[in-house]
Protein backbone atom coordinates (compact mmCIF):
# COMPACT_ATOMS: atom_id res chain seq x y z
CA UNK A 1 4.33 6.75 -50.80
CA UNK A 2 3.49 3.16 -51.66
CA UNK A 3 6.95 2.04 -50.61
CA UNK A 4 6.62 3.85 -47.28
CA UNK A 5 3.26 2.23 -46.64
CA UNK A 6 4.68 -1.17 -47.51
CA UNK A 7 7.55 -0.69 -45.06
CA UNK A 8 5.11 0.16 -42.27
CA UNK A 9 3.09 -2.98 -42.99
CA UNK A 10 6.22 -5.16 -43.00
CA UNK A 11 7.48 -3.59 -39.76
CA UNK A 12 4.11 -4.22 -38.08
CA UNK A 13 4.13 -7.85 -39.22
CA UNK A 14 7.64 -8.36 -37.86
CA UNK A 15 6.76 -6.60 -34.60
CA UNK A 16 3.67 -8.72 -33.98
CA UNK A 17 5.49 -11.91 -34.99
CA UNK A 18 8.28 -11.21 -32.48
CA UNK A 19 5.75 -10.36 -29.74
CA UNK A 20 3.83 -13.56 -30.47
CA UNK A 21 7.03 -15.60 -30.31
CA UNK A 22 8.05 -14.07 -26.97
CA UNK A 23 4.53 -14.58 -25.66
CA UNK A 24 4.67 -18.28 -26.55
CA UNK A 25 8.07 -18.64 -24.87
CA UNK A 26 6.69 -17.13 -21.65
CA UNK A 27 3.39 -19.01 -21.70
CA UNK A 28 4.71 -22.43 -22.70
CA UNK A 29 5.75 -23.53 -19.15
CA UNK A 30 2.32 -22.54 -17.85
CA UNK A 31 0.55 -24.31 -20.71
CA UNK A 32 2.71 -27.41 -20.15
CA UNK A 33 1.74 -27.51 -16.48
CA UNK A 34 -1.97 -27.08 -17.21
CA UNK A 35 -2.04 -29.79 -19.90
CA UNK A 36 0.12 -32.09 -17.76
CA UNK A 37 -2.49 -31.89 -15.03
CA UNK A 38 -4.84 -33.76 -17.37
CA UNK A 39 -2.31 -36.52 -18.11
CA UNK A 40 -1.90 -39.74 -16.19
CA UNK A 41 0.84 -39.38 -13.57
CA UNK A 42 2.93 -42.09 -15.23
CA UNK A 43 2.77 -40.22 -18.55
CA UNK A 44 3.66 -36.73 -17.32
CA UNK A 45 7.39 -37.04 -18.03
CA UNK A 46 7.38 -39.96 -20.45
CA UNK A 47 5.35 -37.81 -22.87
CA UNK A 48 6.78 -34.48 -21.73
CA UNK A 49 7.53 -33.47 -25.30
CA UNK A 50 3.84 -33.80 -26.19
CA UNK A 51 1.94 -30.76 -25.01
CA UNK A 52 -1.56 -32.17 -25.62
CA UNK A 53 -2.40 -35.29 -23.58
CA UNK A 54 -3.08 -38.46 -25.53
CA UNK A 55 -5.61 -39.53 -22.92
CA UNK A 56 -7.42 -36.85 -20.91
CA UNK A 57 -8.21 -37.60 -17.27
CA UNK A 58 -9.54 -35.74 -14.22
CA UNK A 59 -8.05 -38.28 -11.83
CA UNK A 60 -5.25 -35.91 -10.83
CA UNK A 61 -7.75 -33.28 -9.67
CA UNK A 62 -9.70 -35.87 -7.68
CA UNK A 63 -6.58 -37.32 -6.04
CA UNK A 64 -5.05 -33.91 -5.42
CA UNK A 65 -8.19 -32.53 -3.78
CA UNK A 66 -8.21 -35.45 -1.33
CA UNK A 67 -5.09 -33.94 0.24
CA UNK A 68 -3.02 -35.68 2.91
CA UNK A 69 -3.59 -37.37 6.26
CA UNK A 70 -7.34 -37.05 5.88
CA UNK A 71 -7.07 -33.28 5.30
CA UNK A 72 -8.69 -32.08 2.09
CA UNK A 73 -6.71 -29.72 -0.11
CA UNK A 74 -9.62 -27.32 0.32
CA UNK A 75 -8.43 -26.83 3.90
CA UNK A 76 -5.03 -25.69 2.63
CA UNK A 77 -6.73 -23.30 0.23
CA UNK A 78 -8.77 -21.93 3.13
CA UNK A 79 -5.63 -21.44 5.23
CA UNK A 80 -3.98 -19.54 2.39
CA UNK A 81 -7.08 -17.43 1.88
CA UNK A 82 -7.26 -16.46 5.56
CA UNK A 83 -3.59 -15.51 5.74
CA UNK A 84 -3.63 -13.71 2.38
CA UNK A 85 -6.78 -11.66 2.98
CA UNK A 86 -5.86 -10.56 6.51
CA UNK A 87 -2.26 -9.73 5.57
CA UNK A 88 -3.41 -7.84 2.48
CA UNK A 89 -5.96 -5.77 4.40
CA UNK A 90 -3.35 -4.94 7.01
CA UNK A 91 -0.68 -4.01 4.47
CA UNK A 92 -2.97 -1.87 2.31
CA UNK A 93 -4.62 0.24 5.01
CA UNK A 94 -1.63 0.63 7.30
CA UNK A 95 0.53 1.68 4.35
CA UNK A 96 -1.88 4.36 3.15
CA UNK A 97 -2.15 5.83 6.67
CA UNK A 98 1.64 6.02 6.96
CA UNK A 99 1.87 7.45 3.44
CA UNK A 100 -0.63 10.16 4.34
CA UNK A 101 1.59 11.17 7.23
CA UNK A 102 4.66 11.41 5.02
CA UNK A 103 2.87 13.23 2.18
CA UNK A 104 0.69 15.70 4.07
CA UNK A 105 1.83 16.10 7.69
CA UNK A 106 4.87 17.99 8.93
CA UNK A 107 6.78 16.42 11.79
CA UNK A 108 10.34 16.37 13.06
CA UNK A 109 12.66 14.08 11.09
CA UNK A 110 10.09 13.17 8.45
CA UNK A 111 12.71 13.02 5.70
CA UNK A 112 14.99 10.84 7.82
CA UNK A 113 12.16 8.44 8.62
CA UNK A 114 11.13 8.33 4.98
CA UNK A 115 14.71 7.49 4.01
CA UNK A 116 14.78 4.72 6.63
CA UNK A 117 11.54 3.38 5.20
CA UNK A 118 13.05 3.36 1.71
CA UNK A 119 16.08 1.48 3.02
CA UNK A 120 13.84 -1.33 4.26
CA UNK A 121 12.88 -1.98 0.63
CA UNK A 122 16.49 -2.91 -0.08
CA UNK A 123 16.68 -5.63 2.57
CA UNK A 124 15.88 -9.10 1.20
CA UNK A 125 13.83 -11.45 3.35
CA UNK A 126 16.82 -13.78 3.71
CA UNK A 127 18.69 -11.09 5.70
CA UNK A 128 15.84 -10.72 8.21
CA UNK A 129 14.86 -14.37 8.30
CA UNK A 130 16.99 -15.51 11.25
CA UNK A 131 16.45 -12.53 13.61
CA UNK A 132 12.72 -12.52 12.87
CA UNK A 133 12.45 -16.24 13.55
CA UNK A 134 14.29 -15.86 16.88
CA UNK A 135 12.01 -12.98 17.85
CA UNK A 136 8.79 -14.77 16.95
CA UNK A 137 9.97 -17.97 18.63
CA UNK A 138 10.74 -16.04 21.82
CA UNK A 139 7.24 -14.55 22.01
CA UNK A 140 5.61 -17.87 21.12
CA UNK A 141 4.34 -17.04 17.64
CA UNK A 142 6.04 -19.93 15.80
CA UNK A 143 3.44 -22.51 14.82
CA UNK A 144 0.72 -19.87 14.40
CA UNK A 145 -0.39 -17.54 11.62
CA UNK A 146 0.64 -14.43 13.57
CA UNK A 147 4.11 -14.04 11.95
CA UNK A 148 2.42 -14.23 8.54
CA UNK A 149 -0.23 -11.59 9.33
CA UNK A 150 0.65 -9.17 12.14
CA UNK A 151 3.84 -7.59 10.62
CA UNK A 152 1.84 -6.39 7.62
CA UNK A 153 -0.34 -4.22 9.87
CA UNK A 154 2.68 -1.93 10.29
CA UNK A 155 3.03 -1.00 6.62
CA UNK A 156 5.20 -2.16 3.73
CA UNK A 157 7.87 0.00 2.15
CA UNK A 158 6.85 -0.45 -1.48
CA UNK A 159 3.18 0.29 -0.81
CA UNK A 160 4.02 3.31 1.35
CA UNK A 161 6.22 4.70 -1.41
CA UNK A 162 3.50 4.07 -4.02
CA UNK A 163 0.84 5.77 -1.90
CA UNK A 164 3.08 8.75 -1.11
CA UNK A 165 3.67 9.38 -4.80
CA UNK A 166 -0.05 9.14 -5.50
CA UNK A 167 -1.07 11.43 -2.63
CA UNK A 168 1.49 14.03 -3.65
CA UNK A 169 -0.26 14.20 -7.02
CA UNK A 170 -3.48 15.35 -5.35
CA UNK A 171 -3.77 19.17 -5.32
CA UNK A 172 -3.27 20.67 -1.89
CA UNK A 173 -6.11 23.11 -2.65
CA UNK A 174 -8.46 20.27 -1.77
CA UNK A 175 -6.85 20.04 1.67
CA UNK A 176 -7.28 23.76 2.21
CA UNK A 177 -10.92 23.64 1.14
CA UNK A 178 -11.56 20.74 3.52
CA UNK A 179 -9.87 22.59 6.38
CA UNK A 180 -12.04 25.66 5.73
CA UNK A 181 -15.12 23.43 5.92
CA UNK A 182 -13.97 22.28 9.35
CA UNK A 183 -12.33 18.91 8.53
CA UNK A 184 -9.91 17.55 11.08
CA UNK A 185 -6.77 15.68 10.03
CA UNK A 186 -8.61 12.36 10.19
CA UNK A 187 -11.57 13.90 8.37
CA UNK A 188 -9.24 15.12 5.63
CA UNK A 189 -7.79 11.64 5.29
CA UNK A 190 -11.09 9.75 5.34
CA UNK A 191 -13.25 12.14 3.31
CA UNK A 192 -10.81 13.64 0.81
CA UNK A 193 -7.60 11.65 0.42
CA UNK A 194 -8.82 8.08 0.86
CA UNK A 195 -11.52 8.19 -1.88
CA UNK A 196 -9.02 9.66 -4.33
CA UNK A 197 -6.30 7.04 -3.78
CA UNK A 198 -8.50 4.05 -4.62
CA UNK A 199 -6.36 3.12 -7.68
CA UNK A 200 -3.24 3.04 -5.49
CA UNK A 201 -5.07 1.00 -2.85
CA UNK A 202 -6.22 -1.52 -5.44
CA UNK A 203 -2.71 -1.75 -6.88
CA UNK A 204 -1.28 -2.40 -3.42
CA UNK A 205 -4.01 -4.94 -2.74
CA UNK A 206 -3.41 -6.87 -5.95
CA UNK A 207 0.35 -7.04 -5.43
CA UNK A 208 -0.01 -7.97 -1.77
CA UNK A 209 -2.58 -10.66 -2.52
CA UNK A 210 -0.40 -12.30 -5.17
CA UNK A 211 2.78 -12.10 -3.06
CA UNK A 212 1.12 -13.52 0.04
CA UNK A 213 -0.81 -16.17 -1.90
CA UNK A 214 2.30 -17.60 -3.53
CA UNK A 215 4.62 -17.15 -0.53
CA UNK A 216 6.39 -20.40 0.30
CA UNK A 217 9.38 -19.62 2.49
CA UNK A 218 7.66 -17.77 5.35
CA UNK A 219 4.90 -20.39 5.91
CA UNK A 220 7.55 -23.11 5.67
CA UNK A 221 9.51 -21.42 8.46
CA UNK A 222 6.71 -20.65 10.88
CA UNK A 223 4.10 -23.39 10.37
CA UNK A 224 5.06 -26.74 11.86
CA UNK A 225 1.74 -28.63 11.75
CA UNK A 226 0.18 -30.04 8.58
CA UNK A 227 -3.40 -28.84 9.31
CA UNK A 228 -2.09 -25.25 9.38
CA UNK A 229 -0.14 -25.49 6.11
CA UNK A 230 -0.90 -22.99 3.39
CA UNK A 231 -1.45 -24.01 -0.19
CA UNK A 232 2.15 -23.28 -1.29
CA UNK A 233 3.64 -25.52 1.42
CA UNK A 234 1.04 -28.25 0.86
CA UNK A 235 1.96 -28.46 -2.83
CA UNK A 236 5.48 -29.48 -1.84
CA UNK A 237 4.09 -32.54 -0.06
CA UNK A 238 3.18 -34.11 -3.41
CA UNK A 239 6.91 -34.42 -4.09
CA UNK A 240 8.66 -37.13 -2.10
CA UNK A 241 12.33 -37.75 -3.03
CA UNK A 242 12.35 -41.02 -1.06
CA UNK A 243 9.28 -42.48 -2.76
CA UNK A 244 7.09 -41.97 -5.80
CA UNK A 245 5.97 -38.37 -6.34
CA UNK A 246 2.43 -37.66 -7.52
CA UNK A 247 3.34 -35.12 -10.19
CA UNK A 248 -0.08 -35.20 -11.82
CA UNK A 249 -1.84 -34.22 -8.60
CA UNK A 250 0.79 -31.54 -7.93
CA UNK A 251 0.25 -29.97 -11.35
CA UNK A 252 -3.53 -30.22 -10.91
CA UNK A 253 -3.51 -28.38 -7.59
CA UNK A 254 -0.92 -25.92 -8.89
CA UNK A 255 -3.29 -25.11 -11.74
CA UNK A 256 -6.15 -24.53 -9.30
CA UNK A 257 -3.91 -22.35 -7.16
CA UNK A 258 -3.49 -19.95 -10.09
CA UNK A 259 -7.21 -19.27 -10.35
CA UNK A 260 -7.61 -16.80 -7.41
CA UNK A 261 -4.58 -14.73 -8.43
CA UNK A 262 -5.72 -14.67 -12.06
CA UNK A 263 -9.26 -13.61 -11.09
CA UNK A 264 -7.98 -10.83 -8.81
CA UNK A 265 -5.60 -9.55 -11.49
CA UNK A 266 -8.23 -9.64 -14.25
CA UNK A 267 -10.92 -8.00 -12.11
CA UNK A 268 -8.76 -5.06 -11.02
CA UNK A 269 -6.55 -4.65 -14.08
CA UNK A 270 -7.95 -1.20 -14.88
CA UNK A 271 -7.15 0.15 -11.42
CA UNK A 272 -3.81 -1.66 -11.41
CA UNK A 273 -2.53 0.21 -14.46
CA UNK A 274 -3.81 3.53 -13.13
CA UNK A 275 -2.28 2.94 -9.72
CA UNK A 276 1.14 2.08 -11.11
CA UNK A 277 1.07 5.23 -13.22
CA UNK A 278 0.47 7.18 -9.97
CA UNK A 279 -1.10 9.97 -11.96
CA UNK A 280 -3.32 11.26 -9.14
CA UNK A 281 -5.29 14.39 -9.98
CA UNK A 282 -4.06 17.22 -12.11
CA UNK A 283 -4.86 20.73 -11.04
């Protein structure tokens, strides 16, 4: 009995030690960036082995926030916020409407269309990049935020799949009761289904916000004027291969760019876990 208890204690110690080690390995690059943002730019790489700065300074944050060409970095944050919020709202609500159709409505070829939707999840952005750019350039959208916002108002495969699984977990008896009370299809969706899929909506919103906030390639393709740059593209401007790069300011602004995503994740963590589980309601 004593030996068994001792083994359990030792196994727990080993387990937590391994988890702590893996946690440090994953967090070290982030910690290095945050602490480097408080170092002098000239000391960022000369003292790279030292995690804690010898001399703390806020100069990088001041210089980084000044931005470029007379444009404050706050403007780039605002651009990212506009694109991210609008694209997230479009992706979340369009996806749940489409998912409701797949999960609750009967129409010709629904399984075929659902399979086509699933196939879109397997296409990487690099495959669609050229044809999408040619299309948006033809209709005059290049140089605007439209290519970064409008497509998300037509649903996203992953979010549709997530919502379908969640809606299918809701008992159909609720649908029948709503129909008896005189609910139309839209009434069923708005009054019964939508309030019950809040965890899935929050999960979709958190993922969409983080993906759009940190997106670099799409804004780089479609935005061709500095005042319209998003935060991710603006960060690249601190690095100049032909001259001296302001690494301290880049790390400072990169650290600030993590704050919105971290706040969103921490605020909705409870719903995020529940939404991923897609438990729905049990009869």
